[in-house]
Amino acid sequence: MKVWNIRVTDRNGFDSYSFFQEDQPTNQQLEAIKKIYQNSGRYFPEDIEDIEVEIKSNFDNQNIPTYEQLIDHLKDKYRIIK
């Protein structure tokens, strides 16, 4: 399963979100997020089309170590060489 990081940008800045999904988010999914923002009542009519939703990055969730694996990795990486 992959973790997808998206950014929703408007005139006020941006919001970042992450979610699990195996395949790349479709344009339809990104448009659904945009529609929620557009229908939120937070925007003047002239600002509604300025909202952008984009994929920023993704990674495979299987590559996330457990806490124990992280500790072992850090101990190995940062061990003091005598």
PDB file of N, CA and C in Angstrom:
ATOM      1  N   MET A   1       0.852  -1.169   0.000  1.00  0.00           N
ATOM      2  CA  MET A   1       0.000   0.000   0.000  1.00  0.00           C
ATOM      3  C   MET A   1       0.901   1.235   0.000  1.00  0.00           C
ATOM      4  N   LYS A   2       0.526   2.240  -0.752  1.00  0.00           N
ATOM      5  CA  LYS A   2       1.315   3.471  -0.824  1.00  0.00           C
ATOM      6  C   LYS A   2       0.653   4.582  -0.021  1.00  0.00           C
ATOM      7  N   VAL A   3       1.481   5.491   0.445  1.00  0.00           N
ATOM      8  CA  VAL A   3       1.007   6.699   1.101  1.00  0.00           C
ATOM      9  C   VAL A   3       1.164   7.830   0.092  1.00  0.00           C
ATOM     10  N   TRP A   4       0.073   8.536  -0.176  1.00  0.00           N
ATOM     11  CA  TRP A   4       0.072   9.651  -1.123  1.00  0.00           C
ATOM     12  C   TRP A   4      -0.031  10.949  -0.346  1.00  0.00           C
ATOM     13  N   ASN A   5       0.848  11.883  -0.669  1.00  0.00           N
ATOM     14  CA  ASN A   5       0.848  13.204  -0.049  1.00  0.00           C
ATOM     15  C   ASN A   5       0.345  14.200  -1.080  1.00  0.00           C
ATOM     16  N   ILE A   6      -0.720  14.898  -0.738  1.00  0.00           N
ATOM     17  CA  ILE A   6      -1.277  15.880  -1.663  1.00  0.00           C
ATOM     18  C   ILE A   6      -1.270  17.262  -1.024  1.00  0.00           C
ATOM     19  N   ARG A   7      -1.359  18.269  -1.866  1.00  0.00           N
ATOM     20  CA  ARG A   7      -1.412  19.651  -1.406  1.00  0.00           C
ATOM     21  C   ARG A   7      -2.586  20.344  -2.084  1.00  0.00           C
ATOM     22  N   VAL A   8      -3.373  21.037  -1.276  1.00  0.00           N
ATOM     23  CA  VAL A   8      -4.469  21.856  -1.782  1.00  0.00           C
ATOM     24  C   VAL A   8      -4.031  23.300  -1.584  1.00  0.00           C
ATOM     25  N   THR A   9      -3.898  24.045  -2.689  1.00  0.00           N
ATOM     26  CA  THR A   9      -3.409  25.415  -2.647  1.00  0.00           C
ATOM     27  C   THR A   9      -4.517  26.383  -3.035  1.00  0.00           C
ATOM     28  N   ASP A  10      -4.607  27.472  -2.277  1.00  0.00           N
ATOM     29  CA  ASP A  10      -5.534  28.550  -2.618  1.00  0.00           C
ATOM     30  C   ASP A  10      -4.839  29.875  -2.320  1.00  0.00           C
ATOM     31  N   ARG A  11      -5.553  30.980  -2.427  1.00  0.00           N
ATOM     32  CA  ARG A  11      -4.938  32.297  -2.210  1.00  0.00           C
ATOM     33  C   ARG A  11      -4.449  32.502  -0.780  1.00  0.00           C
ATOM     34  N   ASN A  12      -4.936  31.713   0.150  1.00  0.00           N
ATOM     35  CA  ASN A  12      -4.554  31.856   1.552  1.00  0.00           C
ATOM     36  C   ASN A  12      -3.344  31.012   1.937  1.00  0.00           C
ATOM     37  N   GLY A  13      -2.861  30.189   1.034  1.00  0.00           N
ATOM     38  CA  GLY A  13      -1.748  29.295   1.342  1.00  0.00           C
ATOM     39  C   GLY A  13      -2.057  27.889   0.873  1.00  0.00           C
ATOM     40  N   PHE A  14      -1.728  26.902   1.692  1.00  0.00           N
ATOM     41  CA  PHE A  14      -1.989  25.513   1.300  1.00  0.00           C
ATOM     42  C   PHE A  14      -2.247  24.648   2.521  1.00  0.00           C
ATOM     43  N   ASP A  15      -2.915  23.519   2.259  1.00  0.00           N
ATOM     44  CA  ASP A  15      -3.135  22.464   3.242  1.00  0.00           C
ATOM     45  C   ASP A  15      -2.534  21.190   2.668  1.00  0.00           C
ATOM     46  N   SER A  16      -1.923  20.390   3.520  1.00  0.00           N
ATOM     47  CA  SER A  16      -1.337  19.118   3.088  1.00  0.00           C
ATOM     48  C   SER A  16      -2.083  17.968   3.743  1.00  0.00           C
ATOM     49  N   TYR A  17      -2.270  16.894   2.974  1.00  0.00           N
ATOM     50  CA  TYR A  17      -2.958  15.704   3.461  1.00  0.00           C
ATOM     51  C   TYR A  17      -2.235  14.465   2.960  1.00  0.00           C
ATOM     52  N   SER A  18      -2.395  13.380   3.684  1.00  0.00           N
ATOM     53  CA  SER A  18      -1.843  12.093   3.284  1.00  0.00           C
ATOM     54  C   SER A  18      -2.917  11.034   3.432  1.00  0.00           C
ATOM     55  N   PHE A  19      -2.875  10.034   2.542  1.00  0.00           N
ATOM     56  CA  PHE A  19      -3.805   8.918   2.643  1.00  0.00           C
ATOM     57  C   PHE A  19      -3.203   7.678   2.002  1.00  0.00           C
ATOM     58  N   PHE A  20      -3.720   6.510   2.409  1.00  0.00           N
ATOM     59  CA  PHE A  20      -3.301   5.218   1.853  1.00  0.00           C
ATOM     60  C   PHE A  20      -4.119   4.887   0.622  1.00  0.00           C
ATOM     61  N   GLN A  21      -3.442   4.399  -0.405  1.00  0.00           N
ATOM     62  CA  GLN A  21      -4.119   3.885  -1.596  1.00  0.00           C
ATOM     63  C   GLN A  21      -3.055   3.239  -2.466  1.00  0.00           C
ATOM     64  N   GLU A  22      -3.358   2.105  -3.047  1.00  0.00           N
ATOM     65  CA  GLU A  22      -2.359   1.397  -3.846  1.00  0.00           C
ATOM     66  C   GLU A  22      -1.996   2.153  -5.124  1.00  0.00           C
ATOM     67  N   ASP A  23      -2.997   2.597  -5.874  1.00  0.00           N
ATOM     68  CA  ASP A  23      -2.752   3.244  -7.160  1.00  0.00           C
ATOM     69  C   ASP A  23      -2.725   4.759  -7.032  1.00  0.00           C
ATOM     70  N   GLN A  24      -2.105   5.396  -8.016  1.00  0.00           N
ATOM     71  CA  GLN A  24      -2.053   6.863  -8.032  1.00  0.00           C
ATOM     72  C   GLN A  24      -3.462   7.430  -8.024  1.00  0.00           C
ATOM     73  N   PRO A  25      -3.696   8.476  -7.249  1.00  0.00           N
ATOM     74  CA  PRO A  25      -5.022   9.095  -7.237  1.00  0.00           C
ATOM     75  C   PRO A  25      -5.416   9.556  -8.648  1.00  0.00           C
ATOM     76  N   THR A  26      -6.666   9.352  -8.973  1.00  0.00           N
ATOM     77  CA  THR A  26      -7.151   9.747 -10.292  1.00  0.00           C
ATOM     78  C   THR A  26      -7.503  11.230 -10.306  1.00  0.00           C
ATOM     79  N   ASN A  27      -7.639  11.775 -11.505  1.00  0.00           N
ATOM     80  CA  ASN A  27      -8.088  13.160 -11.634  1.00  0.00           C
ATOM     81  C   ASN A  27      -9.457  13.335 -10.988  1.00  0.00           C
ATOM     82  N   GLN A  28     -10.288  12.320 -11.098  1.00  0.00           N
ATOM     83  CA  GLN A  28     -11.629  12.377 -10.499  1.00  0.00           C
ATOM     84  C   GLN A  28     -11.520  12.503  -8.974  1.00  0.00           C
ATOM     85  N   GLN A  29     -10.608  11.776  -8.368  1.00  0.00           N
ATOM     86  CA  GLN A  29     -10.422  11.872  -6.920  1.00  0.00           C
ATOM     87  C   GLN A  29      -9.907  13.254  -6.516  1.00  0.00           C
ATOM     88  N   LEU A  30      -8.948  13.777  -7.275  1.00  0.00           N
ATOM     89  CA  LEU A  30      -8.415  15.097  -6.968  1.00  0.00           C
ATOM     90  C   LEU A  30      -9.481  16.175  -7.165  1.00  0.00           C
ATOM     91  N   GLU A  31     -10.300  16.019  -8.188  1.00  0.00           N
ATOM     92  CA  GLU A  31     -11.395  16.966  -8.428  1.00  0.00           C
ATOM     93  C   GLU A  31     -12.432  16.909  -7.306  1.00  0.00           C
ATOM     94  N   ALA A  32     -12.666  15.730  -6.746  1.00  0.00           N
ATOM     95  CA  ALA A  32     -13.617  15.596  -5.638  1.00  0.00           C
ATOM     96  C   ALA A  32     -13.124  16.390  -4.426  1.00  0.00           C
ATOM     97  N   ILE A  33     -11.819  16.346  -4.170  1.00  0.00           N
ATOM     98  CA  ILE A  33     -11.243  17.122  -3.076  1.00  0.00           C
ATOM     99  C   ILE A  33     -11.413  18.613  -3.355  1.00  0.00           C
ATOM    100  N   LYS A  34     -11.143  19.005  -4.593  1.00  0.00           N
ATOM    101  CA  LYS A  34     -11.296  20.413  -4.981  1.00  0.00           C
ATOM    102  C   LYS A  34     -12.743  20.874  -4.802  1.00  0.00           C
ATOM    103  N   LYS A  35     -13.702  20.042  -5.188  1.00  0.00           N
ATOM    104  CA  LYS A  35     -15.129  20.390  -5.061  1.00  0.00           C
ATOM    105  C   LYS A  35     -15.515  20.608  -3.595  1.00  0.00           C
ATOM    106  N   ILE A  36     -14.978  19.795  -2.705  1.00  0.00           N
ATOM    107  CA  ILE A  36     -15.267  19.972  -1.278  1.00  0.00           C
ATOM    108  C   ILE A  36     -14.798  21.352  -0.834  1.00  0.00           C
ATOM    109  N   TYR A  37     -13.602  21.736  -1.255  1.00  0.00           N
ATOM    110  CA  TYR A  37     -13.102  23.071  -0.918  1.00  0.00           C
ATOM    111  C   TYR A  37     -13.991  24.148  -1.544  1.00  0.00           C
ATOM    112  N   GLN A  38     -14.336  23.962  -2.813  1.00  0.00           N
ATOM    113  CA  GLN A  38     -15.138  24.973  -3.507  1.00  0.00           C
ATOM    114  C   GLN A  38     -16.515  25.148  -2.865  1.00  0.00           C
ATOM    115  N   ASN A  39     -17.077  24.082  -2.346  1.00  0.00           N
ATOM    116  CA  ASN A  39     -18.416  24.127  -1.763  1.00  0.00           C
ATOM    117  C   ASN A  39     -18.414  24.397  -0.261  1.00  0.00           C
ATOM    118  N   SER A  40     -17.255  24.731   0.286  1.00  0.00           N
ATOM    119  CA  SER A  40     -17.143  24.903   1.733  1.00  0.00           C
ATOM    120  C   SER A  40     -17.692  26.237   2.229  1.00  0.00           C
ATOM    121  N   GLY A  41     -17.914  27.186   1.328  1.00  0.00           N
ATOM    122  CA  GLY A  41     -18.388  28.501   1.734  1.00  0.00           C
ATOM    123  C   GLY A  41     -17.278  29.411   2.218  1.00  0.00           C
ATOM    124  N   ARG A  42     -16.050  28.972   2.110  1.00  0.00           N
ATOM    125  CA  ARG A  42     -14.904  29.764   2.576  1.00  0.00           C
ATOM    126  C   ARG A  42     -14.400  30.756   1.535  1.00  0.00           C
ATOM    127  N   TYR A  43     -14.909  30.671   0.306  1.00  0.00           N
ATOM    128  CA  TYR A  43     -14.326  31.435  -0.790  1.00  0.00           C
ATOM    129  C   TYR A  43     -15.327  32.366  -1.445  1.00  0.00           C
ATOM    130  N   PHE A  44     -14.816  33.494  -1.941  1.00  0.00           N
ATOM    131  CA  PHE A  44     -15.605  34.362  -2.790  1.00  0.00           C
ATOM    132  C   PHE A  44     -15.733  33.681  -4.150  1.00  0.00           C
ATOM    133  N   PRO A  45     -16.811  33.930  -4.880  1.00  0.00           N
ATOM    134  CA  PRO A  45     -16.997  33.281  -6.186  1.00  0.00           C
ATOM    135  C   PRO A  45     -15.800  33.438  -7.125  1.00  0.00           C
ATOM    136  N   GLU A  46     -15.152  34.585  -7.087  1.00  0.00           N
ATOM    137  CA  GLU A  46     -14.016  34.804  -7.999  1.00  0.00           C
ATOM    138  C   GLU A  46     -12.772  34.007  -7.589  1.00  0.00           C
ATOM    139  N   ASP A  47     -12.743  33.476  -6.375  1.00  0.00           N
ATOM    140  CA  ASP A  47     -11.590  32.704  -5.904  1.00  0.00           C
ATOM    141  C   ASP A  47     -11.748  31.193  -6.079  1.00  0.00           C
ATOM    142  N   ILE A  48     -12.935  30.743  -6.416  1.00  0.00           N
ATOM    143  CA  ILE A  48     -13.217  29.300  -6.464  1.00  0.00           C
ATOM    144  C   ILE A  48     -12.343  28.565  -7.472  1.00  0.00           C
ATOM    145  N   GLU A  49     -12.086  29.176  -8.617  1.00  0.00           N
ATOM    146  CA  GLU A  49     -11.284  28.491  -9.640  1.00  0.00           C
ATOM    147  C   GLU A  49      -9.784  28.536  -9.360  1.00  0.00           C
ATOM    148  N   ASP A  50      -9.365  29.292  -8.350  1.00  0.00           N
ATOM    149  CA  ASP A  50      -7.948  29.398  -8.017  1.00  0.00           C
ATOM    150  C   ASP A  50      -7.459  28.276  -7.115  1.00  0.00           C
ATOM    151  N   ILE A  51      -8.315  27.343  -6.766  1.00  0.00           N
ATOM    152  CA  ILE A  51      -7.940  26.234  -5.891  1.00  0.00           C
ATOM    153  C   ILE A  51      -7.276  25.146  -6.737  1.00  0.00           C
ATOM    154  N   GLU A  52      -6.109  24.687  -6.297  1.00  0.00           N
ATOM    155  CA  GLU A  52      -5.391  23.620  -7.002  1.00  0.00           C
ATOM    156  C   GLU A  52      -5.165  22.446  -6.058  1.00  0.00           C
ATOM    157  N   VAL A  53      -5.296  21.239  -6.590  1.00  0.00           N
ATOM    158  CA  VAL A  53      -5.002  20.025  -5.832  1.00  0.00           C
ATOM    159  C   VAL A  53      -3.934  19.271  -6.619  1.00  0.00           C
ATOM    160  N   GLU A  54      -2.825  18.942  -5.960  1.00  0.00           N
ATOM    161  CA  GLU A  54      -1.740  18.263  -6.651  1.00  0.00           C
ATOM    162  C   GLU A  54      -1.125  17.176  -5.774  1.00  0.00           C
ATOM    163  N   ILE A  55      -0.565  16.188  -6.426  1.00  0.00           N
ATOM    164  CA  ILE A  55       0.172  15.132  -5.743  1.00  0.00           C
ATOM    165  C   ILE A  55       1.589  15.652  -5.531  1.00  0.00           C
ATOM    166  N   LYS A  56       2.042  15.658  -4.284  1.00  0.00           N
ATOM    167  CA  LYS A  56       3.390  16.126  -3.980  1.00  0.00           C
ATOM    168  C   LYS A  56       4.406  14.982  -3.959  1.00  0.00           C
ATOM    169  N   SER A  57       4.001  13.829  -3.419  1.00  0.00           N
ATOM    170  CA  SER A  57       4.920  12.704  -3.338  1.00  0.00           C
ATOM    171  C   SER A  57       4.158  11.459  -2.911  1.00  0.00           C
ATOM    172  N   ASN A  58       4.860  10.339  -2.953  1.00  0.00           N
ATOM    173  CA  ASN A  58       4.300   9.089  -2.445  1.00  0.00           C
ATOM    174  C   ASN A  58       5.439   8.181  -2.035  1.00  0.00           C
ATOM    175  N   PHE A  59       5.114   7.213  -1.209  1.00  0.00           N
ATOM    176  CA  PHE A  59       6.090   6.196  -0.847  1.00  0.00           C
ATOM    177  C   PHE A  59       5.363   4.915  -0.495  1.00  0.00           C
ATOM    178  N   ASP A  60       6.096   3.832  -0.598  1.00  0.00           N
ATOM    179  CA  ASP A  60       5.538   2.517  -0.314  1.00  0.00           C
ATOM    180  C   ASP A  60       5.504   2.316   1.187  1.00  0.00           C
ATOM    181  N   ASN A  61       4.330   2.078   1.714  1.00  0.00           N
ATOM    182  CA  ASN A  61       4.143   1.900   3.151  1.00  0.00           C
ATOM    183  C   ASN A  61       4.946   0.718   3.696  1.00  0.00           C
ATOM    184  N   GLN A  62       5.245  -0.256   2.865  1.00  0.00           N
ATOM    185  CA  GLN A  62       6.004  -1.420   3.318  1.00  0.00           C
ATOM    186  C   GLN A  62       7.440  -1.052   3.681  1.00  0.00           C
ATOM    187  N   ASN A  63       7.887   0.115   3.221  1.00  0.00           N
ATOM    188  CA  ASN A  63       9.247   0.555   3.515  1.00  0.00           C
ATOM    189  C   ASN A  63       9.354   1.298   4.842  1.00  0.00           C
ATOM    190  N   ILE A  64       8.258   1.483   5.530  1.00  0.00           N
ATOM    191  CA  ILE A  64       8.295   2.159   6.822  1.00  0.00           C
ATOM    192  C   ILE A  64       8.718   1.144   7.876  1.00  0.00           C
ATOM    193  N   PRO A  65       9.802   1.453   8.592  1.00  0.00           N
ATOM    194  CA  PRO A  65      10.273   0.483   9.583  1.00  0.00           C
ATOM    195  C   PRO A  65       9.423   0.504  10.845  1.00  0.00           C
ATOM    196  N   THR A  66       9.482  -0.586  11.573  1.00  0.00           N
ATOM    197  CA  THR A  66       8.898  -0.595  12.909  1.00  0.00           C
ATOM    198  C   THR A  66       9.815   0.216  13.810  1.00  0.00           C
ATOM    199  N   TYR A  67       9.348   0.496  15.011  1.00  0.00           N
ATOM    200  CA  TYR A  67      10.181   1.244  15.950  1.00  0.00           C
ATOM    201  C   TYR A  67      11.488   0.494  16.214  1.00  0.00           C
ATOM    202  N   GLU A  68      11.391  -0.805  16.435  1.00  0.00           N
ATOM    203  CA  GLU A  68      12.579  -1.609  16.720  1.00  0.00           C
ATOM    204  C   GLU A  68      13.561  -1.575  15.550  1.00  0.00           C
ATOM    205  N   GLN A  69      13.038  -1.657  14.324  1.00  0.00           N
ATOM    206  CA  GLN A  69      13.907  -1.599  13.148  1.00  0.00           C
ATOM    207  C   GLN A  69      14.583  -0.237  13.030  1.00  0.00           C
ATOM    208  N   LEU A  70      13.844   0.815  13.350  1.00  0.00           N
ATOM    209  CA  LEU A  70      14.423   2.160  13.318  1.00  0.00           C
ATOM    210  C   LEU A  70      15.548   2.284  14.333  1.00  0.00           C
ATOM    211  N   ILE A  71      15.325   1.803  15.544  1.00  0.00           N
ATOM    212  CA  ILE A  71      16.358   1.864  16.585  1.00  0.00           C
ATOM    213  C   ILE A  71      17.600   1.096  16.155  1.00  0.00           C
ATOM    214  N   ASP A  72      17.418  -0.107  15.616  1.00  0.00           N
ATOM    215  CA  ASP A  72      18.559  -0.893  15.142  1.00  0.00           C
ATOM    216  C   ASP A  72      19.314  -0.157  14.038  1.00  0.00           C
ATOM    217  N   HIS A  73      18.573   0.439  13.125  1.00  0.00           N
ATOM    218  CA  HIS A  73      19.186   1.193  12.025  1.00  0.00           C
ATOM    219  C   HIS A  73      20.003   2.371  12.571  1.00  0.00           C
ATOM    220  N   LEU A  74      19.423   3.113  13.509  1.00  0.00           N
ATOM    221  CA  LEU A  74      20.116   4.269  14.070  1.00  0.00           C
ATOM    222  C   LEU A  74      21.351   3.859  14.857  1.00  0.00           C
ATOM    223  N   LYS A  75      21.234   2.773  15.610  1.00  0.00           N
ATOM    224  CA  LYS A  75      22.401   2.284  16.359  1.00  0.00           C
ATOM    225  C   LYS A  75      23.524   1.892  15.413  1.00  0.00           C
ATOM    226  N   ASP A  76      23.167   1.253  14.321  1.00  0.00           N
ATOM    227  CA  ASP A  76      24.168   0.832  13.340  1.00  0.00           C
ATOM    228  C   ASP A  76      24.756   2.038  12.623  1.00  0.00           C
ATOM    229  N   LYS A  77      23.915   2.956  12.234  1.00  0.00           N
ATOM    230  CA  LYS A  77      24.371   4.122  11.476  1.00  0.00           C
ATOM    231  C   LYS A  77      25.230   5.073  12.301  1.00  0.00           C
ATOM    232  N   TYR A  78      24.873   5.254  13.554  1.00  0.00           N
ATOM    233  CA  TYR A  78      25.546   6.237  14.395  1.00  0.00           C
ATOM    234  C   TYR A  78      26.400   5.623  15.510  1.00  0.00           C
ATOM    235  N   ARG A  79      26.816   4.392  15.321  1.00  0.00           N
ATOM    236  CA  ARG A  79      27.648   3.766  16.349  1.00  0.00           C
ATOM    237  C   ARG A  79      29.000   4.456  16.391  1.00  0.00           C
ATOM    238  N   ILE A  80      29.552   4.487  17.565  1.00  0.00           N
ATOM    239  CA  ILE A  80      30.855   5.111  17.751  1.00  0.00           C
ATOM    240  C   ILE A  80      31.925   4.113  17.331  1.00  0.00           C
ATOM    241  N   ILE A  81      32.745   4.553  16.419  1.00  0.00           N
ATOM    242  CA  ILE A  81      33.839   3.704  15.940  1.00  0.00           C
ATOM    243  C   ILE A  81      35.057   3.980  16.812  1.00  0.00           C
ATOM    244  N   LYS A  82      35.593   2.914  17.424  1.00  0.00           N
ATOM    245  CA  LYS A  82      36.744   3.070  18.318  1.00  0.00           C
ATOM    246  C   LYS A  82      37.985   2.497  17.697  1.00  0.00           C
TER     247      LYS A  82
END
